[in-house]
Amino acid sequence: MNAASIPPDVLLVVAALAVAIALVQALALLMRRWTRRRRMSLRMVRAVLGEERAPALLEDRGFTVIGAQVVVDHAVRIDDRVVVVPLRADYLAAKDGARYVVEVKTGALAPRIETSATRRQILEYRIAFDVDGVVLVDAEAGRVHEITFPALERLARPATSTGWRVVAFALAAVAAVIVAVVRFA
């Protein structure tokens, strides 16, 4: 069977069907794009509202906001070169003489410390902003969490142990004996 033997009305139906399928595909693509943009827009609105709510949540818990959208340049060495990465924190806050970098999160997963992206972000902020601690604000739930990294805190303080104290005491005692012998000799 060749194209010339197909009745014209069948060709017309096939062409109309092809155009209809193409239109349905184009509309489906447009709907997916619109839905994606709408979802992103709603996320942005939630994030902005969360950041606007955060200062009051912090102040209710005794923090004083000392900066918003604070940027630091964080240097990272890779092999022989240094790469400077700008980081922007939602807020800097203070409480009881300590300074904190504050990250505000919204949604179901982002405010959870179990979320790896959030955990990595606040760890990087803790190091880069040279502060005493990190505060994670779950703006939608109205929760404020102080986050610490025990391993990082151990690195930051000098190593002390009972063994070193005993050695220091023994050295001091030996020094006292030597001074006494030299003095009375």
N, C-alpha and C. Protein backbone atom coordinates (compact mmCIF):
# COMPACT_ATOMS: atom_id res chain seq x y z
N MET A 1 0.85 -1.17 0.00
CA MET A 1 0.00 0.00 0.00
C MET A 1 0.90 1.23 0.00
N ASN A 2 0.63 2.16 -0.91
CA ASN A 2 1.42 3.39 -0.94
C ASN A 2 0.55 4.56 -0.50
N ALA A 3 1.17 5.71 -0.27
CA ALA A 3 0.47 6.88 0.24
C ALA A 3 -0.63 7.34 -0.70
N ALA A 4 -0.46 7.11 -2.00
CA ALA A 4 -1.47 7.55 -2.96
C ALA A 4 -2.75 6.74 -2.84
N SER A 5 -2.67 5.52 -2.33
CA SER A 5 -3.86 4.68 -2.23
C SER A 5 -4.63 4.87 -0.93
N ILE A 6 -4.09 5.67 0.02
CA ILE A 6 -4.79 5.93 1.29
C ILE A 6 -5.82 7.02 1.03
N PRO A 7 -7.04 6.79 1.43
CA PRO A 7 -8.07 7.79 1.20
C PRO A 7 -7.72 9.12 1.88
N PRO A 8 -8.04 10.26 1.26
CA PRO A 8 -7.70 11.57 1.80
C PRO A 8 -8.28 11.81 3.19
N ASP A 9 -9.50 11.31 3.46
CA ASP A 9 -10.08 11.55 4.78
C ASP A 9 -9.32 10.80 5.88
N VAL A 10 -8.71 9.65 5.57
CA VAL A 10 -7.89 8.92 6.54
C VAL A 10 -6.61 9.70 6.81
N LEU A 11 -6.01 10.24 5.74
CA LEU A 11 -4.81 11.07 5.90
C LEU A 11 -5.11 12.29 6.76
N LEU A 12 -6.26 12.87 6.56
CA LEU A 12 -6.66 14.04 7.34
C LEU A 12 -6.83 13.67 8.82
N VAL A 13 -7.42 12.53 9.11
CA VAL A 13 -7.60 12.08 10.50
C VAL A 13 -6.24 11.80 11.15
N VAL A 14 -5.34 11.15 10.41
CA VAL A 14 -4.00 10.85 10.95
C VAL A 14 -3.25 12.16 11.22
N ALA A 15 -3.33 13.12 10.31
CA ALA A 15 -2.66 14.41 10.50
C ALA A 15 -3.25 15.14 11.71
N ALA A 16 -4.57 15.12 11.84
CA ALA A 16 -5.23 15.78 12.97
C ALA A 16 -4.82 15.12 14.28
N LEU A 17 -4.72 13.80 14.27
CA LEU A 17 -4.30 13.06 15.46
C LEU A 17 -2.86 13.41 15.84
N ALA A 18 -1.99 13.51 14.83
CA ALA A 18 -0.59 13.88 15.08
C ALA A 18 -0.50 15.28 15.67
N VAL A 19 -1.26 16.22 15.14
CA VAL A 19 -1.28 17.59 15.67
C VAL A 19 -1.82 17.59 17.09
N ALA A 20 -2.86 16.83 17.37
CA ALA A 20 -3.44 16.76 18.71
C ALA A 20 -2.43 16.20 19.71
N ILE A 21 -1.72 15.16 19.32
CA ILE A 21 -0.69 14.58 20.21
C ILE A 21 0.41 15.60 20.48
N ALA A 22 0.83 16.31 19.45
CA ALA A 22 1.87 17.33 19.62
C ALA A 22 1.39 18.44 20.56
N LEU A 23 0.14 18.86 20.42
CA LEU A 23 -0.41 19.89 21.30
C LEU A 23 -0.49 19.42 22.75
N VAL A 24 -0.93 18.18 22.95
CA VAL A 24 -1.01 17.63 24.31
C VAL A 24 0.39 17.57 24.94
N GLN A 25 1.38 17.16 24.17
CA GLN A 25 2.77 17.11 24.67
C GLN A 25 3.27 18.51 25.03
N ALA A 26 2.98 19.48 24.15
CA ALA A 26 3.41 20.86 24.42
C ALA A 26 2.73 21.41 25.66
N LEU A 27 1.45 21.16 25.83
CA LEU A 27 0.73 21.62 27.02
C LEU A 27 1.26 20.94 28.28
N ALA A 28 1.54 19.65 28.20
CA ALA A 28 2.09 18.93 29.35
C ALA A 28 3.44 19.52 29.76
N LEU A 29 4.27 19.82 28.78
CA LEU A 29 5.57 20.44 29.06
C LEU A 29 5.40 21.80 29.72
N LEU A 30 4.50 22.61 29.19
CA LEU A 30 4.23 23.93 29.77
C LEU A 30 3.71 23.81 31.20
N MET A 31 2.85 22.83 31.46
CA MET A 31 2.31 22.63 32.81
C MET A 31 3.40 22.21 33.79
N ARG A 32 4.29 21.33 33.34
CA ARG A 32 5.40 20.92 34.21
C ARG A 32 6.28 22.11 34.55
N ARG A 33 6.60 22.93 33.56
CA ARG A 33 7.43 24.12 33.81
C ARG A 33 6.72 25.09 34.75
N TRP A 34 5.44 25.31 34.52
CA TRP A 34 4.68 26.23 35.36
C TRP A 34 4.63 25.71 36.80
N THR A 35 4.38 24.41 36.95
CA THR A 35 4.31 23.81 38.27
C THR A 35 5.65 23.93 39.00
N ARG A 36 6.75 23.69 38.30
CA ARG A 36 8.08 23.80 38.89
C ARG A 36 8.34 25.24 39.34
N ARG A 37 8.02 26.21 38.47
CA ARG A 37 8.23 27.62 38.83
C ARG A 37 7.36 28.01 40.02
N ARG A 38 6.14 27.53 40.04
CA ARG A 38 5.22 27.85 41.13
C ARG A 38 5.72 27.28 42.45
N ARG A 39 6.20 26.03 42.42
CA ARG A 39 6.75 25.40 43.61
C ARG A 39 7.96 26.18 44.12
N MET A 40 8.84 26.57 43.21
CA MET A 40 10.02 27.35 43.59
C MET A 40 9.61 28.70 44.19
N SER A 41 8.63 29.32 43.59
CA SER A 41 8.14 30.60 44.09
C SER A 41 7.58 30.46 45.50
N LEU A 42 6.81 29.42 45.74
CA LEU A 42 6.25 29.18 47.07
C LEU A 42 7.35 28.91 48.09
N ARG A 43 8.39 28.16 47.68
CA ARG A 43 9.52 27.91 48.58
C ARG A 43 10.22 29.21 48.95
N MET A 44 10.39 30.08 47.96
CA MET A 44 11.06 31.36 48.22
C MET A 44 10.23 32.21 49.18
N VAL A 45 8.93 32.22 49.00
CA VAL A 45 8.05 32.98 49.89
C VAL A 45 8.17 32.43 51.32
N ARG A 46 8.15 31.10 51.46
CA ARG A 46 8.29 30.48 52.79
C ARG A 46 9.63 30.86 53.42
N ALA A 47 10.69 30.83 52.61
CA ALA A 47 12.02 31.15 53.13
C ALA A 47 12.09 32.61 53.59
N VAL A 48 11.56 33.52 52.79
CA VAL A 48 11.58 34.94 53.15
C VAL A 48 10.77 35.17 54.42
N LEU A 49 9.59 34.57 54.50
CA LEU A 49 8.77 34.71 55.71
C LEU A 49 9.49 34.14 56.93
N GLY A 50 10.19 33.02 56.74
CA GLY A 50 10.95 32.43 57.84
C GLY A 50 12.06 33.34 58.32
N GLU A 51 12.79 33.93 57.37
CA GLU A 51 13.87 34.85 57.75
C GLU A 51 13.33 36.10 58.42
N GLU A 52 12.15 36.54 58.04
CA GLU A 52 11.55 37.70 58.69
C GLU A 52 11.09 37.37 60.11
N ARG A 53 10.71 36.14 60.35
CA ARG A 53 10.22 35.73 61.66
C ARG A 53 11.37 35.43 62.64
N ALA A 54 12.52 35.07 62.11
CA ALA A 54 13.64 34.61 62.94
C ALA A 54 14.11 35.61 64.01
N PRO A 55 14.28 36.91 63.71
CA PRO A 55 14.77 37.81 64.77
C PRO A 55 13.91 37.81 66.03
N ALA A 56 12.60 37.77 65.86
CA ALA A 56 11.72 37.73 67.03
C ALA A 56 11.89 36.43 67.81
N LEU A 57 12.05 35.31 67.09
CA LEU A 57 12.27 34.02 67.76
C LEU A 57 13.58 34.05 68.54
N LEU A 58 14.62 34.63 67.94
CA LEU A 58 15.91 34.71 68.61
C LEU A 58 15.83 35.60 69.85
N GLU A 59 15.20 36.77 69.71
CA GLU A 59 15.10 37.69 70.84
C GLU A 59 14.27 37.10 71.97
N ASP A 60 13.24 36.32 71.64
CA ASP A 60 12.44 35.65 72.68
C ASP A 60 13.29 34.68 73.50
N ARG A 61 14.36 34.19 72.94
CA ARG A 61 15.24 33.24 73.64
C ARG A 61 16.51 33.88 74.16
N GLY A 62 16.54 35.20 74.21
CA GLY A 62 17.65 35.91 74.83
C GLY A 62 18.79 36.30 73.92
N PHE A 63 18.66 36.08 72.63
CA PHE A 63 19.70 36.47 71.69
C PHE A 63 19.49 37.91 71.24
N THR A 64 20.58 38.58 70.90
CA THR A 64 20.53 39.91 70.29
C THR A 64 21.07 39.78 68.88
N VAL A 65 20.28 40.17 67.90
CA VAL A 65 20.73 40.10 66.50
C VAL A 65 21.71 41.25 66.27
N ILE A 66 22.92 40.92 65.80
CA ILE A 66 23.94 41.94 65.56
C ILE A 66 24.27 42.11 64.08
N GLY A 67 23.66 41.32 63.22
CA GLY A 67 23.89 41.46 61.78
C GLY A 67 22.96 40.55 61.00
N ALA A 68 22.60 41.00 59.78
CA ALA A 68 21.75 40.19 58.91
C ALA A 68 22.42 40.06 57.55
N GLN A 69 22.28 38.88 56.94
CA GLN A 69 22.88 38.59 55.64
C GLN A 69 24.37 38.96 55.64
N VAL A 70 25.06 38.45 56.64
CA VAL A 70 26.47 38.75 56.86
C VAL A 70 27.33 37.87 55.96
N VAL A 71 28.29 38.49 55.28
CA VAL A 71 29.14 37.77 54.33
C VAL A 71 30.57 37.73 54.86
N VAL A 72 31.18 36.56 54.76
CA VAL A 72 32.61 36.42 55.04
C VAL A 72 33.26 35.73 53.85
N ASP A 73 34.53 36.02 53.65
CA ASP A 73 35.31 35.31 52.64
C ASP A 73 36.04 34.19 53.35
N HIS A 74 35.77 32.96 52.96
CA HIS A 74 36.32 31.77 53.60
C HIS A 74 37.39 31.19 52.68
N ALA A 75 38.61 31.11 53.18
CA ALA A 75 39.71 30.58 52.38
C ALA A 75 39.81 29.06 52.54
N VAL A 76 39.91 28.38 51.41
CA VAL A 76 40.06 26.93 51.39
C VAL A 76 41.27 26.61 50.52
N ARG A 77 42.17 25.79 51.05
CA ARG A 77 43.35 25.41 50.26
C ARG A 77 43.07 24.09 49.57
N ILE A 78 43.35 24.06 48.27
CA ILE A 78 43.26 22.84 47.49
C ILE A 78 44.61 22.66 46.81
N ASP A 79 45.34 21.64 47.23
CA ASP A 79 46.71 21.42 46.79
C ASP A 79 47.53 22.67 47.12
N ASP A 80 48.08 23.32 46.09
CA ASP A 80 48.95 24.49 46.33
C ASP A 80 48.25 25.83 46.16
N ARG A 81 46.97 25.82 45.90
CA ARG A 81 46.31 27.11 45.69
C ARG A 81 45.21 27.33 46.72
N VAL A 82 44.98 28.60 47.00
CA VAL A 82 43.94 28.99 47.94
C VAL A 82 42.75 29.51 47.14
N VAL A 83 41.59 28.98 47.48
CA VAL A 83 40.35 29.42 46.84
C VAL A 83 39.55 30.14 47.91
N VAL A 84 39.13 31.36 47.60
CA VAL A 84 38.33 32.14 48.55
C VAL A 84 36.87 32.02 48.14
N VAL A 85 36.07 31.55 49.10
CA VAL A 85 34.65 31.31 48.85
C VAL A 85 33.84 32.27 49.71
N PRO A 86 32.99 33.08 49.10
CA PRO A 86 32.13 33.94 49.93
C PRO A 86 30.99 33.13 50.53
N LEU A 87 30.74 33.33 51.81
CA LEU A 87 29.63 32.66 52.49
C LEU A 87 28.72 33.73 53.09
N ARG A 88 27.42 33.50 52.99
CA ARG A 88 26.43 34.45 53.52
C ARG A 88 25.58 33.74 54.56
N ALA A 89 25.63 34.26 55.78
CA ALA A 89 24.80 33.71 56.86
C ALA A 89 23.56 34.56 57.02
N ASP A 90 22.49 33.94 57.46
CA ASP A 90 21.24 34.68 57.65
C ASP A 90 21.41 35.77 58.71
N TYR A 91 22.00 35.39 59.86
CA TYR A 91 22.17 36.37 60.94
C TYR A 91 23.43 36.06 61.74
N LEU A 92 23.92 37.09 62.42
CA LEU A 92 24.88 36.93 63.52
C LEU A 92 24.14 37.39 64.76
N ALA A 93 24.33 36.68 65.85
CA ALA A 93 23.63 37.02 67.08
C ALA A 93 24.58 36.85 68.26
N ALA A 94 24.22 37.46 69.37
CA ALA A 94 25.02 37.36 70.59
C ALA A 94 24.11 36.99 71.75
N LYS A 95 24.70 36.26 72.71
CA LYS A 95 23.98 35.91 73.93
C LYS A 95 25.00 35.58 75.01
N ASP A 96 24.86 36.22 76.16
CA ASP A 96 25.73 35.96 77.30
C ASP A 96 27.21 36.10 76.93
N GLY A 97 27.55 37.07 76.12
CA GLY A 97 28.95 37.31 75.75
C GLY A 97 29.48 36.42 74.64
N ALA A 98 28.69 35.52 74.14
CA ALA A 98 29.13 34.63 73.06
C ALA A 98 28.48 35.08 71.75
N ARG A 99 29.20 34.86 70.65
CA ARG A 99 28.68 35.19 69.31
C ARG A 99 28.28 33.93 68.57
N TYR A 100 27.19 34.02 67.82
CA TYR A 100 26.66 32.87 67.09
C TYR A 100 26.36 33.24 65.64
N VAL A 101 26.59 32.30 64.76
CA VAL A 101 26.10 32.44 63.39
C VAL A 101 24.76 31.72 63.37
N VAL A 102 23.77 32.33 62.69
CA VAL A 102 22.40 31.80 62.70
C VAL A 102 21.99 31.41 61.29
N GLU A 103 21.49 30.21 61.16
CA GLU A 103 20.95 29.74 59.88
C GLU A 103 19.46 29.49 60.08
N VAL A 104 18.65 30.06 59.20
CA VAL A 104 17.20 29.92 59.28
C VAL A 104 16.76 28.94 58.20
N LYS A 105 15.96 27.97 58.58
CA LYS A 105 15.47 26.97 57.63
C LYS A 105 13.95 26.86 57.73
N THR A 106 13.33 26.50 56.60
CA THR A 106 11.89 26.25 56.54
C THR A 106 11.67 24.92 55.83
N GLY A 107 10.46 24.42 55.94
CA GLY A 107 10.13 23.17 55.27
C GLY A 107 10.16 22.00 56.23
N ALA A 108 9.99 20.83 55.67
CA ALA A 108 9.92 19.62 56.50
C ALA A 108 11.30 19.04 56.79
N LEU A 109 12.22 19.11 55.84
CA LEU A 109 13.51 18.44 55.99
C LEU A 109 14.66 19.38 56.33
N ALA A 110 14.72 20.53 55.72
CA ALA A 110 15.87 21.43 55.88
C ALA A 110 16.19 21.79 57.33
N PRO A 111 15.20 22.01 58.21
CA PRO A 111 15.53 22.39 59.59
C PRO A 111 16.06 21.23 60.45
N ARG A 112 16.09 20.03 59.93
CA ARG A 112 16.51 18.87 60.72
C ARG A 112 18.03 18.68 60.64
N ILE A 113 18.66 18.44 61.78
CA ILE A 113 20.10 18.22 61.82
C ILE A 113 20.47 16.93 61.10
N GLU A 114 19.52 16.04 60.94
CA GLU A 114 19.77 14.79 60.22
C GLU A 114 19.92 15.02 58.71
N THR A 115 19.51 16.18 58.23
CA THR A 115 19.63 16.52 56.81
C THR A 115 21.09 16.88 56.53
N SER A 116 21.75 16.10 55.71
CA SER A 116 23.20 16.26 55.52
C SER A 116 23.57 17.64 54.97
N ALA A 117 22.80 18.19 54.06
CA ALA A 117 23.14 19.50 53.50
C ALA A 117 23.10 20.58 54.58
N THR A 118 22.12 20.52 55.46
CA THR A 118 22.02 21.49 56.56
C THR A 118 23.18 21.32 57.52
N ARG A 119 23.47 20.08 57.88
CA ARG A 119 24.56 19.80 58.83
C ARG A 119 25.89 20.29 58.28
N ARG A 120 26.16 20.02 57.01
CA ARG A 120 27.42 20.45 56.40
C ARG A 120 27.50 21.97 56.32
N GLN A 121 26.38 22.61 56.00
CA GLN A 121 26.36 24.06 55.90
C GLN A 121 26.68 24.71 57.24
N ILE A 122 26.04 24.25 58.31
CA ILE A 122 26.28 24.89 59.60
C ILE A 122 27.67 24.56 60.14
N LEU A 123 28.21 23.40 59.80
CA LEU A 123 29.59 23.10 60.19
C LEU A 123 30.55 24.05 59.49
N GLU A 124 30.33 24.27 58.19
CA GLU A 124 31.17 25.21 57.45
C GLU A 124 31.04 26.63 58.04
N TYR A 125 29.82 27.03 58.38
CA TYR A 125 29.61 28.34 58.98
C TYR A 125 30.33 28.46 60.31
N ARG A 126 30.28 27.40 61.11
CA ARG A 126 30.94 27.42 62.44
C ARG A 126 32.41 27.71 62.30
N ILE A 127 33.03 27.13 61.29
CA ILE A 127 34.46 27.31 61.07
C ILE A 127 34.74 28.67 60.43
N ALA A 128 34.02 29.00 59.39
CA ALA A 128 34.32 30.19 58.59
C ALA A 128 34.02 31.51 59.31
N PHE A 129 32.99 31.53 60.13
CA PHE A 129 32.60 32.79 60.75
C PHE A 129 33.34 33.07 62.06
N ASP A 130 34.17 32.14 62.52
CA ASP A 130 34.96 32.34 63.74
C ASP A 130 34.08 32.83 64.90
N VAL A 131 33.06 32.05 65.21
CA VAL A 131 32.11 32.39 66.27
C VAL A 131 32.18 31.33 67.37
N ASP A 132 31.45 31.58 68.42
CA ASP A 132 31.43 30.64 69.55
C ASP A 132 30.47 29.48 69.34
N GLY A 133 29.49 29.66 68.44
CA GLY A 133 28.53 28.60 68.22
C GLY A 133 27.64 28.87 67.02
N VAL A 134 26.75 27.91 66.76
CA VAL A 134 25.82 28.00 65.64
C VAL A 134 24.42 27.81 66.18
N VAL A 135 23.49 28.60 65.64
CA VAL A 135 22.09 28.46 66.00
C VAL A 135 21.31 28.12 64.74
N LEU A 136 20.49 27.10 64.83
CA LEU A 136 19.63 26.68 63.72
C LEU A 136 18.20 27.03 64.10
N VAL A 137 17.56 27.87 63.26
CA VAL A 137 16.19 28.29 63.53
C VAL A 137 15.25 27.56 62.57
N ASP A 138 14.30 26.83 63.14
CA ASP A 138 13.21 26.23 62.37
C ASP A 138 12.08 27.24 62.44
N ALA A 139 12.04 28.12 61.45
CA ALA A 139 11.13 29.27 61.51
C ALA A 139 9.67 28.88 61.52
N GLU A 140 9.30 27.86 60.76
CA GLU A 140 7.90 27.48 60.70
C GLU A 140 7.42 26.83 61.99
N ALA A 141 8.28 26.07 62.64
CA ALA A 141 7.91 25.43 63.90
C ALA A 141 8.15 26.34 65.10
N GLY A 142 8.86 27.46 64.87
CA GLY A 142 9.15 28.39 65.96
C GLY A 142 10.19 27.87 66.93
N ARG A 143 11.10 27.02 66.44
CA ARG A 143 12.12 26.42 67.32
C ARG A 143 13.50 27.04 67.04
N VAL A 144 14.26 27.20 68.11
CA VAL A 144 15.62 27.70 68.02
C VAL A 144 16.53 26.67 68.69
N HIS A 145 17.51 26.16 67.91
CA HIS A 145 18.40 25.12 68.42
C HIS A 145 19.84 25.60 68.39
N GLU A 146 20.55 25.41 69.50
CA GLU A 146 21.98 25.68 69.51
C GLU A 146 22.67 24.37 69.11
N ILE A 147 23.52 24.45 68.08
CA ILE A 147 24.19 23.28 67.55
C ILE A 147 25.66 23.32 67.94
N THR A 148 26.15 22.22 68.47
CA THR A 148 27.58 22.12 68.76
C THR A 148 28.13 20.88 68.08
N PHE A 149 29.40 20.91 67.82
CA PHE A 149 30.11 19.80 67.22
C PHE A 149 31.19 19.39 68.22
N PRO A 150 30.93 18.38 69.05
CA PRO A 150 31.87 18.02 70.12
C PRO A 150 33.30 17.79 69.64
N ALA A 151 33.49 17.16 68.50
CA ALA A 151 34.85 16.93 68.01
C ALA A 151 35.55 18.24 67.70
N LEU A 152 34.83 19.18 67.14
CA LEU A 152 35.39 20.49 66.82
C LEU A 152 35.73 21.26 68.10
N GLU A 153 34.88 21.15 69.09
CA GLU A 153 35.12 21.83 70.37
C GLU A 153 36.36 21.25 71.05
N ARG A 154 36.57 19.93 70.95
CA ARG A 154 37.77 19.32 71.54
C ARG A 154 39.03 19.84 70.87
N LEU A 155 38.99 20.04 69.56
CA LEU A 155 40.15 20.57 68.84
C LEU A 155 40.45 22.00 69.24
N ALA A 156 39.42 22.74 69.60
CA ALA A 156 39.58 24.17 69.90
C ALA A 156 40.18 24.42 71.27
N ARG A 157 40.05 23.49 72.21
CA ARG A 157 40.58 23.74 73.56
C ARG A 157 41.88 22.96 73.76
N PRO A 158 42.76 23.48 74.62
CA PRO A 158 44.03 22.79 74.85
C PRO A 158 43.84 21.45 75.52
N ALA A 159 44.68 20.53 75.18
CA ALA A 159 44.60 19.18 75.76
C ALA A 159 45.07 19.22 77.20
N THR A 160 44.23 18.74 78.09
CA THR A 160 44.61 18.62 79.50
C THR A 160 44.22 17.22 79.94
N SER A 161 45.09 16.64 80.73
CA SER A 161 44.76 15.33 81.27
C SER A 161 45.40 15.21 82.63
N THR A 162 44.96 14.27 83.39
CA THR A 162 45.51 14.05 84.73
C THR A 162 46.99 13.73 84.65
N GLY A 163 47.40 12.99 83.65
CA GLY A 163 48.81 12.63 83.50
C GLY A 163 49.71 13.85 83.38
N TRP A 164 49.32 14.81 82.58
CA TRP A 164 50.13 16.03 82.43
C TRP A 164 50.16 16.83 83.71
N ARG A 165 49.07 16.83 84.46
CA ARG A 165 49.06 17.55 85.74
C ARG A 165 50.03 16.91 86.73
N VAL A 166 50.07 15.59 86.76
CA VAL A 166 50.99 14.88 87.67
C VAL A 166 52.43 15.20 87.29
N VAL A 167 52.75 15.16 85.98
CA VAL A 167 54.11 15.46 85.52
C VAL A 167 54.47 16.90 85.88
N ALA A 168 53.54 17.84 85.67
CA ALA A 168 53.80 19.25 85.99
C ALA A 168 54.04 19.42 87.49
N PHE A 169 53.25 18.75 88.30
CA PHE A 169 53.42 18.83 89.75
C PHE A 169 54.78 18.25 90.17
N ALA A 170 55.14 17.11 89.58
CA ALA A 170 56.42 16.48 89.91
C ALA A 170 57.58 17.38 89.52
N LEU A 171 57.51 18.00 88.33
CA LEU A 171 58.57 18.92 87.91
C LEU A 171 58.67 20.11 88.85
N ALA A 172 57.53 20.63 89.28
CA ALA A 172 57.53 21.76 90.21
C ALA A 172 58.14 21.34 91.54
N ALA A 173 57.84 20.13 92.01
CA ALA A 173 58.40 19.65 93.27
C ALA A 173 59.91 19.48 93.16
N VAL A 174 60.36 18.91 92.03
CA VAL A 174 61.81 18.74 91.83
C VAL A 174 62.49 20.11 91.79
N ALA A 175 61.89 21.06 91.11
CA ALA A 175 62.46 22.41 91.04
C ALA A 175 62.53 23.03 92.43
N ALA A 176 61.51 22.83 93.25
CA ALA A 176 61.51 23.38 94.61
C ALA A 176 62.62 22.77 95.44
N VAL A 177 62.83 21.46 95.30
CA VAL A 177 63.90 20.76 96.04
C VAL A 177 65.26 21.32 95.60
N ILE A 178 65.47 21.47 94.29
CA ILE A 178 66.75 22.00 93.78
C ILE A 178 66.99 23.40 94.30
N VAL A 179 65.95 24.23 94.28
CA VAL A 179 66.11 25.61 94.80
C VAL A 179 66.45 25.57 96.27
N ALA A 180 65.81 24.71 97.03
CA ALA A 180 66.08 24.62 98.47
C ALA A 180 67.50 24.13 98.72
N VAL A 181 67.98 23.15 97.97
CA VAL A 181 69.34 22.62 98.16
C VAL A 181 70.35 23.69 97.81
N VAL A 182 70.15 24.38 96.69
CA VAL A 182 71.10 25.42 96.26
C VAL A 182 71.09 26.57 97.28
N ARG A 183 69.97 26.90 97.81
CA ARG A 183 69.83 28.02 98.71
C ARG A 183 70.49 27.73 100.06
N PHE A 184 70.37 26.51 100.54
CA PHE A 184 70.92 26.19 101.86
C PHE A 184 72.30 25.55 101.78
N ALA A 185 72.85 25.42 100.60
CA ALA A 185 74.15 24.79 100.49
C ALA A 185 75.28 25.77 100.68
